[in-house]
Amino acid sequence: MAEEFDETAHRDTYRGFIKLTNTVLMSLIFIVVGMTIGLIGHSLSLGVIFILLGIIGPAIWALITE
């Protein structure tokens, strides 16, 4: 008889991939918004804040969530 296939490792890999994809997309969105605010909105300081938030924020979010 065929053995039951344990899908735990595959599920964990899929969850990790989804988490990585969401983190990268969130980072890119914040960086693009910061660049847009800096260039079009002529508010360089607010743009830099959004860019830093886009770099640091999702990284911290990914570390603290399970």
PDB file of N, CA and C in Angstrom:
ATOM      1  N   MET A   1       0.829  -1.184   0.000  1.00  0.00           N
ATOM      2  CA  MET A   1       0.000   0.000   0.000  1.00  0.00           C
ATOM      3  C   MET A   1       0.870   1.243   0.000  1.00  0.00           C
ATOM      4  N   ALA A   2       0.349   2.263  -0.572  1.00  0.00           N
ATOM      5  CA  ALA A   2       1.084   3.524  -0.630  1.00  0.00           C
ATOM      6  C   ALA A   2       1.051   4.198   0.744  1.00  0.00           C
ATOM      7  N   GLU A   3       2.189   4.810   1.069  1.00  0.00           N
ATOM      8  CA  GLU A   3       2.268   5.512   2.343  1.00  0.00           C
ATOM      9  C   GLU A   3       1.588   6.876   2.225  1.00  0.00           C
ATOM     10  N   GLU A   4       1.123   7.355   3.356  1.00  0.00           N
ATOM     11  CA  GLU A   4       0.525   8.690   3.390  1.00  0.00           C
ATOM     12  C   GLU A   4       1.633   9.720   3.199  1.00  0.00           C
ATOM     13  N   PHE A   5       1.360  10.740   2.417  1.00  0.00           N
ATOM     14  CA  PHE A   5       2.346  11.780   2.140  1.00  0.00           C
ATOM     15  C   PHE A   5       2.213  12.891   3.174  1.00  0.00           C
ATOM     16  N   ASP A   6       3.317  13.187   3.855  1.00  0.00           N
ATOM     17  CA  ASP A   6       3.314  14.242   4.869  1.00  0.00           C
ATOM     18  C   ASP A   6       3.540  15.593   4.188  1.00  0.00           C
ATOM     19  N   GLU A   7       2.537  16.459   4.260  1.00  0.00           N
ATOM     20  CA  GLU A   7       2.591  17.745   3.578  1.00  0.00           C
ATOM     21  C   GLU A   7       3.075  18.882   4.470  1.00  0.00           C
ATOM     22  N   THR A   8       3.539  18.573   5.670  1.00  0.00           N
ATOM     23  CA  THR A   8       3.914  19.626   6.614  1.00  0.00           C
ATOM     24  C   THR A   8       5.050  20.491   6.086  1.00  0.00           C
ATOM     25  N   ALA A   9       6.082  19.882   5.556  1.00  0.00           N
ATOM     26  CA  ALA A   9       7.225  20.653   5.043  1.00  0.00           C
ATOM     27  C   ALA A   9       6.811  21.527   3.863  1.00  0.00           C
ATOM     28  N   HIS A  10       5.955  21.001   3.014  1.00  0.00           N
ATOM     29  CA  HIS A  10       5.493  21.776   1.862  1.00  0.00           C
ATOM     30  C   HIS A  10       4.636  22.965   2.298  1.00  0.00           C
ATOM     31  N   ARG A  11       3.794  22.738   3.292  1.00  0.00           N
ATOM     32  CA  ARG A  11       2.956  23.814   3.807  1.00  0.00           C
ATOM     33  C   ARG A  11       3.812  24.914   4.435  1.00  0.00           C
ATOM     34  N   ASP A  12       4.835  24.515   5.199  1.00  0.00           N
ATOM     35  CA  ASP A  12       5.719  25.499   5.813  1.00  0.00           C
ATOM     36  C   ASP A  12       6.495  26.293   4.765  1.00  0.00           C
ATOM     37  N   THR A  13       6.940  25.627   3.720  1.00  0.00           N
ATOM     38  CA  THR A  13       7.646  26.309   2.641  1.00  0.00           C
ATOM     39  C   THR A  13       6.728  27.286   1.932  1.00  0.00           C
ATOM     40  N   TYR A  14       5.501  26.888   1.680  1.00  0.00           N
ATOM     41  CA  TYR A  14       4.529  27.759   1.019  1.00  0.00           C
ATOM     42  C   TYR A  14       4.231  28.980   1.869  1.00  0.00           C
ATOM     43  N   ARG A  15       4.034  28.791   3.171  1.00  0.00           N
ATOM     44  CA  ARG A  15       3.772  29.918   4.070  1.00  0.00           C
ATOM     45  C   ARG A  15       4.955  30.880   4.094  1.00  0.00           C
ATOM     46  N   GLY A  16       6.163  30.338   4.116  1.00  0.00           N
ATOM     47  CA  GLY A  16       7.353  31.181   4.095  1.00  0.00           C
ATOM     48  C   GLY A  16       7.473  31.969   2.803  1.00  0.00           C
ATOM     49  N   PHE A  17       7.143  31.333   1.677  1.00  0.00           N
ATOM     50  CA  PHE A  17       7.186  32.016   0.386  1.00  0.00           C
ATOM     51  C   PHE A  17       6.157  33.135   0.318  1.00  0.00           C
ATOM     52  N   ILE A  18       4.956  32.872   0.798  1.00  0.00           N
ATOM     53  CA  ILE A  18       3.907  33.890   0.800  1.00  0.00           C
ATOM     54  C   ILE A  18       4.306  35.062   1.699  1.00  0.00           C
ATOM     55  N   LYS A  19       4.878  34.773   2.864  1.00  0.00           N
ATOM     56  CA  LYS A  19       5.312  35.825   3.776  1.00  0.00           C
ATOM     57  C   LYS A  19       6.411  36.669   3.133  1.00  0.00           C
ATOM     58  N   LEU A  20       7.365  36.029   2.474  1.00  0.00           N
ATOM     59  CA  LEU A  20       8.434  36.750   1.804  1.00  0.00           C
ATOM     60  C   LEU A  20       7.891  37.619   0.669  1.00  0.00           C
ATOM     61  N   THR A  21       6.982  37.074  -0.111  1.00  0.00           N
ATOM     62  CA  THR A  21       6.393  37.820  -1.219  1.00  0.00           C
ATOM     63  C   THR A  21       5.617  39.028  -0.713  1.00  0.00           C
ATOM     64  N   ASN A  22       4.816  38.852   0.313  1.00  0.00           N
ATOM     65  CA  ASN A  22       4.049  39.967   0.873  1.00  0.00           C
ATOM     66  C   ASN A  22       4.965  41.045   1.444  1.00  0.00           C
ATOM     67  N   THR A  23       6.047  40.635   2.099  1.00  0.00           N
ATOM     68  CA  THR A  23       6.986  41.591   2.670  1.00  0.00           C
ATOM     69  C   THR A  23       7.676  42.403   1.583  1.00  0.00           C
ATOM     70  N   VAL A  24       8.098  41.740   0.519  1.00  0.00           N
ATOM     71  CA  VAL A  24       8.765  42.448  -0.576  1.00  0.00           C
ATOM     72  C   VAL A  24       7.799  43.400  -1.274  1.00  0.00           C
ATOM     73  N   LEU A  25       6.574  42.960  -1.514  1.00  0.00           N
ATOM     74  CA  LEU A  25       5.589  43.836  -2.154  1.00  0.00           C
ATOM     75  C   LEU A  25       5.267  45.052  -1.286  1.00  0.00           C
ATOM     76  N   MET A  26       5.131  44.839   0.013  1.00  0.00           N
ATOM     77  CA  MET A  26       4.855  45.943   0.912  1.00  0.00           C
ATOM     78  C   MET A  26       6.031  46.924   0.924  1.00  0.00           C
ATOM     79  N   SER A  27       7.249  46.411   0.919  1.00  0.00           N
ATOM     80  CA  SER A  27       8.429  47.273   0.876  1.00  0.00           C
ATOM     81  C   SER A  27       8.457  48.095  -0.402  1.00  0.00           C
ATOM     82  N   LEU A  28       8.214  47.452  -1.530  1.00  0.00           N
ATOM     83  CA  LEU A  28       8.240  48.160  -2.806  1.00  0.00           C
ATOM     84  C   LEU A  28       7.173  49.236  -2.890  1.00  0.00           C
ATOM     85  N   ILE A  29       6.000  48.942  -2.359  1.00  0.00           N
ATOM     86  CA  ILE A  29       4.925  49.935  -2.372  1.00  0.00           C
ATOM     87  C   ILE A  29       5.323  51.162  -1.554  1.00  0.00           C
ATOM     88  N   PHE A  30       5.864  50.959  -0.355  1.00  0.00           N
ATOM     89  CA  PHE A  30       6.276  52.088   0.479  1.00  0.00           C
ATOM     90  C   PHE A  30       7.410  52.876  -0.183  1.00  0.00           C
ATOM     91  N   ILE A  31       8.347  52.190  -0.803  1.00  0.00           N
ATOM     92  CA  ILE A  31       9.466  52.875  -1.453  1.00  0.00           C
ATOM     93  C   ILE A  31       8.977  53.704  -2.640  1.00  0.00           C
ATOM     94  N   VAL A  32       8.087  53.140  -3.447  1.00  0.00           N
ATOM     95  CA  VAL A  32       7.564  53.880  -4.597  1.00  0.00           C
ATOM     96  C   VAL A  32       6.727  55.070  -4.143  1.00  0.00           C
ATOM     97  N   VAL A  33       5.933  54.902  -3.106  1.00  0.00           N
ATOM     98  CA  VAL A  33       5.149  56.019  -2.575  1.00  0.00           C
ATOM     99  C   VAL A  33       6.087  57.106  -2.054  1.00  0.00           C
ATOM    100  N   GLY A  34       7.152  56.717  -1.357  1.00  0.00           N
ATOM    101  CA  GLY A  34       8.121  57.696  -0.870  1.00  0.00           C
ATOM    102  C   GLY A  34       8.810  58.438  -1.996  1.00  0.00           C
ATOM    103  N   MET A  35       9.166  57.720  -3.061  1.00  0.00           N
ATOM    104  CA  MET A  35       9.791  58.373  -4.205  1.00  0.00           C
ATOM    105  C   MET A  35       8.817  59.323  -4.884  1.00  0.00           C
ATOM    106  N   THR A  36       7.561  58.918  -4.975  1.00  0.00           N
ATOM    107  CA  THR A  36       6.544  59.771  -5.593  1.00  0.00           C
ATOM    108  C   THR A  36       6.316  61.034  -4.774  1.00  0.00           C
ATOM    109  N   ILE A  37       6.223  60.896  -3.481  1.00  0.00           N
ATOM    110  CA  ILE A  37       6.032  62.063  -2.616  1.00  0.00           C
ATOM    111  C   ILE A  37       7.244  62.985  -2.703  1.00  0.00           C
ATOM    112  N   GLY A  38       8.435  62.400  -2.760  1.00  0.00           N
ATOM    113  CA  GLY A  38       9.641  63.215  -2.838  1.00  0.00           C
ATOM    114  C   GLY A  38       9.779  63.944  -4.153  1.00  0.00           C
ATOM    115  N   LEU A  39       9.419  63.306  -5.253  1.00  0.00           N
ATOM    116  CA  LEU A  39       9.618  63.917  -6.566  1.00  0.00           C
ATOM    117  C   LEU A  39       8.450  64.789  -6.999  1.00  0.00           C
ATOM    118  N   ILE A  40       7.253  64.264  -6.904  1.00  0.00           N
ATOM    119  CA  ILE A  40       6.088  65.008  -7.390  1.00  0.00           C
ATOM    120  C   ILE A  40       5.558  65.964  -6.319  1.00  0.00           C
ATOM    121  N   GLY A  41       5.548  65.498  -5.081  1.00  0.00           N
ATOM    122  CA  GLY A  41       4.995  66.318  -4.002  1.00  0.00           C
ATOM    123  C   GLY A  41       5.962  67.342  -3.458  1.00  0.00           C
ATOM    124  N   HIS A  42       7.230  67.303  -3.886  1.00  0.00           N
ATOM    125  CA  HIS A  42       8.264  68.247  -3.444  1.00  0.00           C
ATOM    126  C   HIS A  42       8.396  68.274  -1.925  1.00  0.00           C
ATOM    127  N   SER A  43       8.248  67.110  -1.309  1.00  0.00           N
ATOM    128  CA  SER A  43       8.435  66.986   0.130  1.00  0.00           C
ATOM    129  C   SER A  43       9.467  65.891   0.364  1.00  0.00           C
ATOM    130  N   LEU A  44      10.720  66.291   0.319  1.00  0.00           N
ATOM    131  CA  LEU A  44      11.801  65.324   0.404  1.00  0.00           C
ATOM    132  C   LEU A  44      11.840  64.608   1.754  1.00  0.00           C
ATOM    133  N   SER A  45      11.581  65.342   2.828  1.00  0.00           N
ATOM    134  CA  SER A  45      11.650  64.726   4.153  1.00  0.00           C
ATOM    135  C   SER A  45      10.563  63.664   4.331  1.00  0.00           C
ATOM    136  N   LEU A  46       9.359  63.940   3.870  1.00  0.00           N
ATOM    137  CA  LEU A  46       8.287  62.948   3.967  1.00  0.00           C
ATOM    138  C   LEU A  46       8.575  61.751   3.061  1.00  0.00           C
ATOM    139  N   GLY A  47       9.151  62.016   1.904  1.00  0.00           N
ATOM    140  CA  GLY A  47       9.530  60.930   1.002  1.00  0.00           C
ATOM    141  C   GLY A  47      10.575  60.025   1.613  1.00  0.00           C
ATOM    142  N   VAL A  48      11.566  60.614   2.274  1.00  0.00           N
ATOM    143  CA  VAL A  48      12.613  59.821   2.932  1.00  0.00           C
ATOM    144  C   VAL A  48      12.013  59.001   4.071  1.00  0.00           C
ATOM    145  N   ILE A  49      11.075  59.572   4.789  1.00  0.00           N
ATOM    146  CA  ILE A  49      10.420  58.833   5.877  1.00  0.00           C
ATOM    147  C   ILE A  49       9.685  57.611   5.311  1.00  0.00           C
ATOM    148  N   PHE A  50       8.964  57.781   4.205  1.00  0.00           N
ATOM    149  CA  PHE A  50       8.264  56.646   3.603  1.00  0.00           C
ATOM    150  C   PHE A  50       9.241  55.602   3.080  1.00  0.00           C
ATOM    151  N   ILE A  51      10.357  56.038   2.500  1.00  0.00           N
ATOM    152  CA  ILE A  51      11.348  55.080   2.000  1.00  0.00           C
ATOM    153  C   ILE A  51      11.952  54.291   3.156  1.00  0.00           C
ATOM    154  N   LEU A  52      12.315  54.968   4.227  1.00  0.00           N
ATOM    155  CA  LEU A  52      12.847  54.254   5.397  1.00  0.00           C
ATOM    156  C   LEU A  52      11.803  53.338   6.012  1.00  0.00           C
ATOM    157  N   LEU A  53      10.567  53.795   6.044  1.00  0.00           N
ATOM    158  CA  LEU A  53       9.482  52.947   6.540  1.00  0.00           C
ATOM    159  C   LEU A  53       9.324  51.722   5.645  1.00  0.00           C
ATOM    160  N   GLY A  54       9.513  51.902   4.348  1.00  0.00           N
ATOM    161  CA  GLY A  54       9.411  50.782   3.417  1.00  0.00           C
ATOM    162  C   GLY A  54      10.553  49.797   3.534  1.00  0.00           C
ATOM    163  N   ILE A  55      11.694  50.247   3.999  1.00  0.00           N
ATOM    164  CA  ILE A  55      12.838  49.351   4.158  1.00  0.00           C
ATOM    165  C   ILE A  55      12.804  48.666   5.522  1.00  0.00           C
ATOM    166  N   ILE A  56      12.589  49.438   6.562  1.00  0.00           N
ATOM    167  CA  ILE A  56      12.698  48.915   7.925  1.00  0.00           C
ATOM    168  C   ILE A  56      11.396  48.282   8.419  1.00  0.00           C
ATOM    169  N   GLY A  57      10.263  48.897   8.096  1.00  0.00           N
ATOM    170  CA  GLY A  57       8.973  48.428   8.610  1.00  0.00           C
ATOM    171  C   GLY A  57       8.631  46.995   8.256  1.00  0.00           C
ATOM    172  N   PRO A  58       8.629  46.623   6.984  1.00  0.00           N
ATOM    173  CA  PRO A  58       8.303  45.240   6.642  1.00  0.00           C
ATOM    174  C   PRO A  58       9.318  44.225   7.169  1.00  0.00           C
ATOM    175  N   ALA A  59      10.570  44.638   7.287  1.00  0.00           N
ATOM    176  CA  ALA A  59      11.569  43.724   7.851  1.00  0.00           C
ATOM    177  C   ALA A  59      11.262  43.418   9.313  1.00  0.00           C
ATOM    178  N   ILE A  60      10.906  44.447  10.067  1.00  0.00           N
ATOM    179  CA  ILE A  60      10.538  44.232  11.466  1.00  0.00           C
ATOM    180  C   ILE A  60       9.247  43.434  11.562  1.00  0.00           C
ATOM    181  N   TRP A  61       8.283  43.743  10.689  1.00  0.00           N
ATOM    182  CA  TRP A  61       7.014  42.998  10.681  1.00  0.00           C
ATOM    183  C   TRP A  61       7.262  41.517  10.402  1.00  0.00           C
ATOM    184  N   ALA A  62       8.155  41.220   9.457  1.00  0.00           N
ATOM    185  CA  ALA A  62       8.434  39.828   9.122  1.00  0.00           C
ATOM    186  C   ALA A  62       9.127  39.106  10.278  1.00  0.00           C
ATOM    187  N   LEU A  63       9.927  39.837  11.047  1.00  0.00           N
ATOM    188  CA  LEU A  63      10.622  39.199  12.163  1.00  0.00           C
ATOM    189  C   LEU A  63       9.688  38.908  13.333  1.00  0.00           C
ATOM    190  N   ILE A  64       8.725  39.790  13.588  1.00  0.00           N
ATOM    191  CA  ILE A  64       7.894  39.598  14.778  1.00  0.00           C
ATOM    192  C   ILE A  64       6.677  38.722  14.530  1.00  0.00           C
ATOM    193  N   THR A  65       6.269  38.560  13.277  1.00  0.00           N
ATOM    194  CA  THR A  65       5.129  37.682  13.006  1.00  0.00           C
ATOM    195  C   THR A  65       5.609  36.259  12.804  1.00  0.00           C
ATOM    196  N   GLU A  66       4.740  35.360  13.047  1.00  0.00           N
ATOM    197  CA  GLU A  66       5.117  33.949  12.912  1.00  0.00           C
ATOM    198  C   GLU A  66       4.643  33.365  11.628  1.00  0.00           C
TER     199      GLU A  66
END
